[in-house]
Amino acid sequence: AAQAVAAKAKAKGAKDAENRVAKADAEIGVKMAVADKALAKARDKALESLEALATDAATDIVAKLSGVTVTPANATKAVKAFLNG
């Protein structure tokens, strides 16, 4: 009888542990998804800043080296083409 009670308690403890692990896994999955979205947003914002900086630099460099004025639209197009390979 004592062995049966112990076995039942052990099984219940194992099931409770499995449930806690499953709950923790689900919570971690949600947190990872939120973190991935935040990282993607930060990466996109950084790339936008990089593109703007590169566009300004390209416009200035072309003007100083060749005397040609490049439109912001053309500079942006060239920078995006370069950055995207």
N, C-alpha and C. Protein backbone atom coordinates (compact mmCIF):
# COMPACT_ATOMS: atom_id res chain seq x y z
N ALA A 1 0.82 -1.20 0.00
CA ALA A 1 0.00 0.00 0.00
C ALA A 1 0.86 1.26 0.00
N ALA A 2 1.92 1.24 0.80
CA ALA A 2 2.81 2.40 0.87
C ALA A 2 3.52 2.62 -0.46
N GLN A 3 3.87 1.49 -1.11
CA GLN A 3 4.53 1.60 -2.41
C GLN A 3 3.59 2.19 -3.46
N ALA A 4 2.35 1.85 -3.40
CA ALA A 4 1.37 2.37 -4.35
C ALA A 4 1.17 3.87 -4.13
N VAL A 5 1.12 4.29 -2.89
CA VAL A 5 0.97 5.70 -2.58
C VAL A 5 2.20 6.46 -3.06
N ALA A 6 3.38 5.89 -2.82
CA ALA A 6 4.63 6.53 -3.24
C ALA A 6 4.69 6.62 -4.76
N ALA A 7 4.30 5.54 -5.45
CA ALA A 7 4.31 5.54 -6.91
C ALA A 7 3.34 6.57 -7.45
N LYS A 8 2.17 6.68 -6.83
CA LYS A 8 1.18 7.65 -7.26
C LYS A 8 1.70 9.08 -7.05
N ALA A 9 2.33 9.32 -5.92
CA ALA A 9 2.89 10.65 -5.62
C ALA A 9 4.01 10.98 -6.60
N LYS A 10 4.84 9.97 -6.91
CA LYS A 10 5.94 10.16 -7.86
C LYS A 10 5.39 10.50 -9.25
N ALA A 11 4.37 9.80 -9.67
CA ALA A 11 3.76 10.05 -10.98
C ALA A 11 3.14 11.44 -11.03
N LYS A 12 2.49 11.83 -9.93
CA LYS A 12 1.89 13.16 -9.88
C LYS A 12 2.98 14.23 -9.93
N GLY A 13 4.06 14.01 -9.20
CA GLY A 13 5.18 14.95 -9.20
C GLY A 13 5.79 15.08 -10.59
N ALA A 14 5.93 13.96 -11.29
CA ALA A 14 6.48 13.98 -12.65
C ALA A 14 5.55 14.74 -13.59
N LYS A 15 4.26 14.49 -13.46
CA LYS A 15 3.28 15.17 -14.32
C LYS A 15 3.29 16.67 -14.03
N ASP A 16 3.36 17.05 -12.76
CA ASP A 16 3.42 18.47 -12.39
C ASP A 16 4.68 19.12 -12.98
N ALA A 17 5.80 18.41 -12.92
CA ALA A 17 7.05 18.93 -13.46
C ALA A 17 6.94 19.10 -14.98
N GLU A 18 6.34 18.12 -15.64
CA GLU A 18 6.14 18.22 -17.09
C GLU A 18 5.29 19.44 -17.45
N ASN A 19 4.24 19.65 -16.66
CA ASN A 19 3.36 20.80 -16.90
C ASN A 19 4.10 22.12 -16.70
N ARG A 20 4.93 22.19 -15.65
CA ARG A 20 5.70 23.42 -15.41
C ARG A 20 6.70 23.67 -16.53
N VAL A 21 7.33 22.61 -17.00
CA VAL A 21 8.29 22.74 -18.10
C VAL A 21 7.58 23.19 -19.38
N ALA A 22 6.43 22.61 -19.66
CA ALA A 22 5.66 23.00 -20.85
C ALA A 22 5.23 24.46 -20.76
N LYS A 23 4.79 24.88 -19.59
CA LYS A 23 4.37 26.27 -19.39
C LYS A 23 5.57 27.20 -19.58
N ALA A 24 6.71 26.84 -19.00
CA ALA A 24 7.91 27.66 -19.14
C ALA A 24 8.36 27.73 -20.60
N ASP A 25 8.29 26.61 -21.30
CA ASP A 25 8.65 26.60 -22.73
C ASP A 25 7.75 27.55 -23.52
N ALA A 26 6.46 27.52 -23.22
CA ALA A 26 5.53 28.40 -23.93
C ALA A 26 5.83 29.86 -23.63
N GLU A 27 6.11 30.17 -22.36
CA GLU A 27 6.44 31.55 -21.98
C GLU A 27 7.73 32.00 -22.65
N ILE A 28 8.71 31.13 -22.70
CA ILE A 28 9.98 31.46 -23.35
C ILE A 28 9.75 31.69 -24.85
N GLY A 29 8.91 30.87 -25.45
CA GLY A 29 8.61 31.03 -26.87
C GLY A 29 7.99 32.39 -27.16
N VAL A 30 7.07 32.82 -26.30
CA VAL A 30 6.43 34.13 -26.47
C VAL A 30 7.47 35.24 -26.31
N LYS A 31 8.30 35.12 -25.28
CA LYS A 31 9.33 36.14 -25.04
C LYS A 31 10.33 36.20 -26.20
N MET A 32 10.68 35.04 -26.75
CA MET A 32 11.60 35.01 -27.89
C MET A 32 10.97 35.68 -29.11
N ALA A 33 9.70 35.44 -29.34
CA ALA A 33 9.02 36.07 -30.48
C ALA A 33 8.99 37.59 -30.32
N VAL A 34 8.71 38.06 -29.12
CA VAL A 34 8.70 39.50 -28.85
C VAL A 34 10.10 40.07 -29.05
N ALA A 35 11.11 39.38 -28.55
CA ALA A 35 12.49 39.84 -28.69
C ALA A 35 12.91 39.86 -30.16
N ASP A 36 12.54 38.83 -30.91
CA ASP A 36 12.86 38.79 -32.34
C ASP A 36 12.25 39.97 -33.08
N LYS A 37 11.00 40.31 -32.76
CA LYS A 37 10.34 41.46 -33.40
C LYS A 37 11.06 42.76 -33.04
N ALA A 38 11.44 42.89 -31.77
CA ALA A 38 12.13 44.11 -31.33
C ALA A 38 13.49 44.23 -32.03
N LEU A 39 14.19 43.11 -32.15
CA LEU A 39 15.48 43.14 -32.83
C LEU A 39 15.33 43.49 -34.31
N ALA A 40 14.32 42.93 -34.94
CA ALA A 40 14.09 43.23 -36.35
C ALA A 40 13.76 44.70 -36.54
N LYS A 41 12.97 45.25 -35.64
CA LYS A 41 12.61 46.67 -35.71
C LYS A 41 13.85 47.54 -35.52
N ALA A 42 14.68 47.18 -34.56
CA ALA A 42 15.90 47.95 -34.31
C ALA A 42 16.86 47.85 -35.49
N ARG A 43 16.96 46.65 -36.07
CA ARG A 43 17.82 46.46 -37.24
C ARG A 43 17.33 47.31 -38.41
N ASP A 44 16.03 47.29 -38.65
CA ASP A 44 15.46 48.07 -39.75
C ASP A 44 15.70 49.57 -39.55
N LYS A 45 15.54 50.03 -38.32
CA LYS A 45 15.76 51.44 -38.02
C LYS A 45 17.23 51.80 -38.23
N ALA A 46 18.12 50.92 -37.81
CA ALA A 46 19.56 51.17 -37.99
C ALA A 46 19.91 51.21 -39.48
N LEU A 47 19.33 50.31 -40.26
CA LEU A 47 19.59 50.31 -41.70
C LEU A 47 19.06 51.56 -42.37
N GLU A 48 17.91 52.04 -41.92
CA GLU A 48 17.37 53.29 -42.47
C GLU A 48 18.32 54.45 -42.18
N SER A 49 18.84 54.48 -40.98
CA SER A 49 19.80 55.53 -40.61
C SER A 49 21.07 55.41 -41.44
N LEU A 50 21.53 54.18 -41.63
CA LEU A 50 22.72 53.95 -42.43
C LEU A 50 22.50 54.38 -43.88
N GLU A 51 21.35 54.05 -44.42
CA GLU A 51 21.03 54.46 -45.80
C GLU A 51 21.00 55.97 -45.93
N ALA A 52 20.40 56.64 -44.95
CA ALA A 52 20.33 58.11 -45.00
C ALA A 52 21.72 58.72 -44.92
N LEU A 53 22.54 58.19 -44.03
CA LEU A 53 23.91 58.69 -43.88
C LEU A 53 24.72 58.43 -45.15
N ALA A 54 24.60 57.24 -45.69
CA ALA A 54 25.33 56.89 -46.91
C ALA A 54 24.86 57.72 -48.10
N THR A 55 23.58 58.00 -48.15
CA THR A 55 23.04 58.83 -49.24
C THR A 55 23.62 60.24 -49.17
N ASP A 56 23.63 60.81 -47.96
CA ASP A 56 24.21 62.15 -47.79
C ASP A 56 25.69 62.15 -48.15
N ALA A 57 26.40 61.14 -47.68
CA ALA A 57 27.84 61.06 -47.96
C ALA A 57 28.09 60.90 -49.45
N ALA A 58 27.34 60.04 -50.11
CA ALA A 58 27.52 59.82 -51.55
C ALA A 58 27.26 61.10 -52.33
N THR A 59 26.21 61.81 -51.96
CA THR A 59 25.88 63.07 -52.64
C THR A 59 27.03 64.07 -52.49
N ASP A 60 27.55 64.20 -51.27
CA ASP A 60 28.65 65.13 -51.02
C ASP A 60 29.93 64.71 -51.73
N ILE A 61 30.25 63.43 -51.70
CA ILE A 61 31.48 62.94 -52.33
C ILE A 61 31.45 63.16 -53.85
N VAL A 62 30.35 62.80 -54.46
CA VAL A 62 30.22 62.99 -55.91
C VAL A 62 30.34 64.47 -56.27
N ALA A 63 29.69 65.32 -55.49
CA ALA A 63 29.74 66.77 -55.76
C ALA A 63 31.15 67.30 -55.62
N LYS A 64 31.87 66.87 -54.59
CA LYS A 64 33.22 67.38 -54.36
C LYS A 64 34.23 66.84 -55.36
N LEU A 65 34.07 65.56 -55.73
CA LEU A 65 35.05 64.96 -56.64
C LEU A 65 34.80 65.31 -58.10
N SER A 66 33.54 65.43 -58.48
CA SER A 66 33.26 65.62 -59.90
C SER A 66 32.55 66.93 -60.22
N GLY A 67 32.04 67.58 -59.19
CA GLY A 67 31.30 68.81 -59.43
C GLY A 67 29.88 68.56 -59.91
N VAL A 68 29.49 67.31 -60.00
CA VAL A 68 28.15 66.94 -60.46
C VAL A 68 27.21 66.89 -59.25
N THR A 69 26.04 67.45 -59.41
CA THR A 69 25.05 67.40 -58.36
C THR A 69 24.16 66.18 -58.59
N VAL A 70 24.11 65.33 -57.59
CA VAL A 70 23.28 64.13 -57.66
C VAL A 70 22.01 64.39 -56.87
N THR A 71 20.88 64.03 -57.44
CA THR A 71 19.62 64.22 -56.72
C THR A 71 19.55 63.23 -55.56
N PRO A 72 18.86 63.62 -54.51
CA PRO A 72 18.70 62.68 -53.39
C PRO A 72 18.08 61.35 -53.82
N ALA A 73 17.15 61.40 -54.76
CA ALA A 73 16.50 60.17 -55.23
C ALA A 73 17.51 59.25 -55.91
N ASN A 74 18.37 59.82 -56.75
CA ASN A 74 19.39 59.01 -57.43
C ASN A 74 20.43 58.48 -56.45
N ALA A 75 20.81 59.31 -55.50
CA ALA A 75 21.78 58.88 -54.48
C ALA A 75 21.19 57.74 -53.65
N THR A 76 19.94 57.89 -53.26
CA THR A 76 19.28 56.85 -52.47
C THR A 76 19.20 55.55 -53.26
N LYS A 77 18.85 55.64 -54.53
CA LYS A 77 18.76 54.46 -55.38
C LYS A 77 20.12 53.77 -55.48
N ALA A 78 21.18 54.54 -55.66
CA ALA A 78 22.51 53.97 -55.79
C ALA A 78 22.96 53.34 -54.47
N VAL A 79 22.68 53.98 -53.36
CA VAL A 79 23.06 53.43 -52.06
C VAL A 79 22.33 52.14 -51.79
N LYS A 80 21.02 52.12 -52.05
CA LYS A 80 20.24 50.89 -51.83
C LYS A 80 20.74 49.76 -52.72
N ALA A 81 21.07 50.08 -53.96
CA ALA A 81 21.59 49.05 -54.86
C ALA A 81 22.90 48.50 -54.33
N PHE A 82 23.75 49.36 -53.83
CA PHE A 82 25.04 48.93 -53.29
C PHE A 82 24.85 48.08 -52.04
N LEU A 83 24.01 48.56 -51.11
CA LEU A 83 23.81 47.84 -49.86
C LEU A 83 23.12 46.50 -50.06
N ASN A 84 22.28 46.41 -51.05
CA ASN A 84 21.55 45.16 -51.29
C ASN A 84 22.28 44.22 -52.24
N GLY A 85 23.47 44.64 -52.63
CA GLY A 85 24.33 43.78 -53.44
C GLY A 85 23.90 43.69 -54.85
